[in-house]
Amino acid sequence: MDALHHLSEETRIVVSEPLRDLPGAWNEVPESAAGVIRPGRDEMRSFVPIPPA
């Protein structure tokens, strides 16, 4: 995990589970939510799938 020390504050890694116990480095995505990742800010939005017509 030494590679994590070389990442910038703006680096984002999307994983299904925490890589290890890193307080403040893991943001859980709640059920029925989606994460929008952009430079400078990240957002959690409600996710409601649209069924096929």
C-alpha atoms as a PDB file:
ATOM      1  CA  MET A   1       0.000   0.000   0.000  1.00  0.00           C
ATOM      2  CA  ASP A   2       3.016   2.316  -0.142  1.00  0.00           C
ATOM      3  CA  ALA A   3       1.806   3.415  -3.577  1.00  0.00           C
ATOM      4  CA  LEU A   4      -1.104   5.239  -1.900  1.00  0.00           C
ATOM      5  CA  HIS A   5       1.349   7.698  -0.332  1.00  0.00           C
ATOM      6  CA  HIS A   6       2.296   8.944  -3.806  1.00  0.00           C
ATOM      7  CA  LEU A   7      -1.251   9.901  -4.829  1.00  0.00           C
ATOM      8  CA  SER A   8      -2.449  13.497  -4.898  1.00  0.00           C
ATOM      9  CA  GLU A   9      -5.382  14.917  -2.901  1.00  0.00           C
ATOM     10  CA  GLU A  10      -7.422  14.877  -6.131  1.00  0.00           C
ATOM     11  CA  THR A  11      -6.801  11.195  -6.921  1.00  0.00           C
ATOM     12  CA  ARG A  12      -9.890   9.000  -6.705  1.00  0.00           C
ATOM     13  CA  ILE A  13      -9.958   5.201  -6.799  1.00  0.00           C
ATOM     14  CA  VAL A  14     -13.305   3.420  -7.138  1.00  0.00           C
ATOM     15  CA  VAL A  15     -13.320   0.021  -5.416  1.00  0.00           C
ATOM     16  CA  SER A  16     -16.023  -2.314  -4.124  1.00  0.00           C
ATOM     17  CA  GLU A  17     -14.554  -2.566  -0.614  1.00  0.00           C
ATOM     18  CA  PRO A  18     -12.004  -0.549   1.412  1.00  0.00           C
ATOM     19  CA  LEU A  19      -8.394  -1.370   0.579  1.00  0.00           C
ATOM     20  CA  ARG A  20      -7.501  -1.225   4.283  1.00  0.00           C
ATOM     21  CA  ASP A  21      -8.394   0.726   7.416  1.00  0.00           C
ATOM     22  CA  LEU A  22      -7.721   4.292   6.254  1.00  0.00           C
ATOM     23  CA  PRO A  23      -9.843   6.690   8.347  1.00  0.00           C
ATOM     24  CA  GLY A  24     -11.388   9.388   6.165  1.00  0.00           C
ATOM     25  CA  ALA A  25     -10.277   7.749   2.920  1.00  0.00           C
ATOM     26  CA  TRP A  26     -13.338   5.560   2.360  1.00  0.00           C
ATOM     27  CA  ASN A  27     -16.724   6.988   1.363  1.00  0.00           C
ATOM     28  CA  GLU A  28     -19.422   4.360   1.184  1.00  0.00           C
ATOM     29  CA  VAL A  29     -21.954   4.746  -1.617  1.00  0.00           C
ATOM     30  CA  PRO A  30     -25.399   4.075  -0.139  1.00  0.00           C
ATOM     31  CA  GLU A  31     -27.917   1.800  -1.826  1.00  0.00           C
ATOM     32  CA  SER A  32     -29.756   3.519  -4.700  1.00  0.00           C
ATOM     33  CA  ALA A  33     -27.030   6.150  -5.021  1.00  0.00           C
ATOM     34  CA  ALA A  34     -24.406   7.014  -7.607  1.00  0.00           C
ATOM     35  CA  GLY A  35     -21.138   8.855  -7.203  1.00  0.00           C
ATOM     36  CA  VAL A  36     -20.186  11.641  -9.597  1.00  0.00           C
ATOM     37  CA  ILE A  37     -16.436  12.256  -9.513  1.00  0.00           C
ATOM     38  CA  ARG A  38     -15.034  15.485 -10.948  1.00  0.00           C
ATOM     39  CA  PRO A  39     -11.925  17.569 -10.366  1.00  0.00           C
ATOM     40  CA  GLY A  40     -12.422  19.672  -7.257  1.00  0.00           C
ATOM     41  CA  ARG A  41     -15.651  18.086  -6.039  1.00  0.00           C
ATOM     42  CA  ASP A  42     -17.413  14.770  -5.717  1.00  0.00           C
ATOM     43  CA  GLU A  43     -21.174  14.267  -5.396  1.00  0.00           C
ATOM     44  CA  MET A  44     -23.540  11.528  -4.286  1.00  0.00           C
ATOM     45  CA  ARG A  45     -26.805  11.503  -6.196  1.00  0.00           C
ATOM     46  CA  SER A  46     -29.961   9.476  -5.974  1.00  0.00           C
ATOM     47  CA  PHE A  47     -30.034   6.701  -8.559  1.00  0.00           C
ATOM     48  CA  VAL A  48     -33.373   5.505  -9.910  1.00  0.00           C
ATOM     49  CA  PRO A  49     -33.087   3.213 -12.941  1.00  0.00           C
ATOM     50  CA  ILE A  50     -35.542   3.791 -15.769  1.00  0.00           C
ATOM     51  CA  PRO A  51     -37.149   0.518 -16.841  1.00  0.00           C
ATOM     52  CA  PRO A  52     -36.993  -0.301 -20.555  1.00  0.00           C
ATOM     53  CA  ALA A  53     -40.035   0.725 -22.574  1.00  0.00           C
END
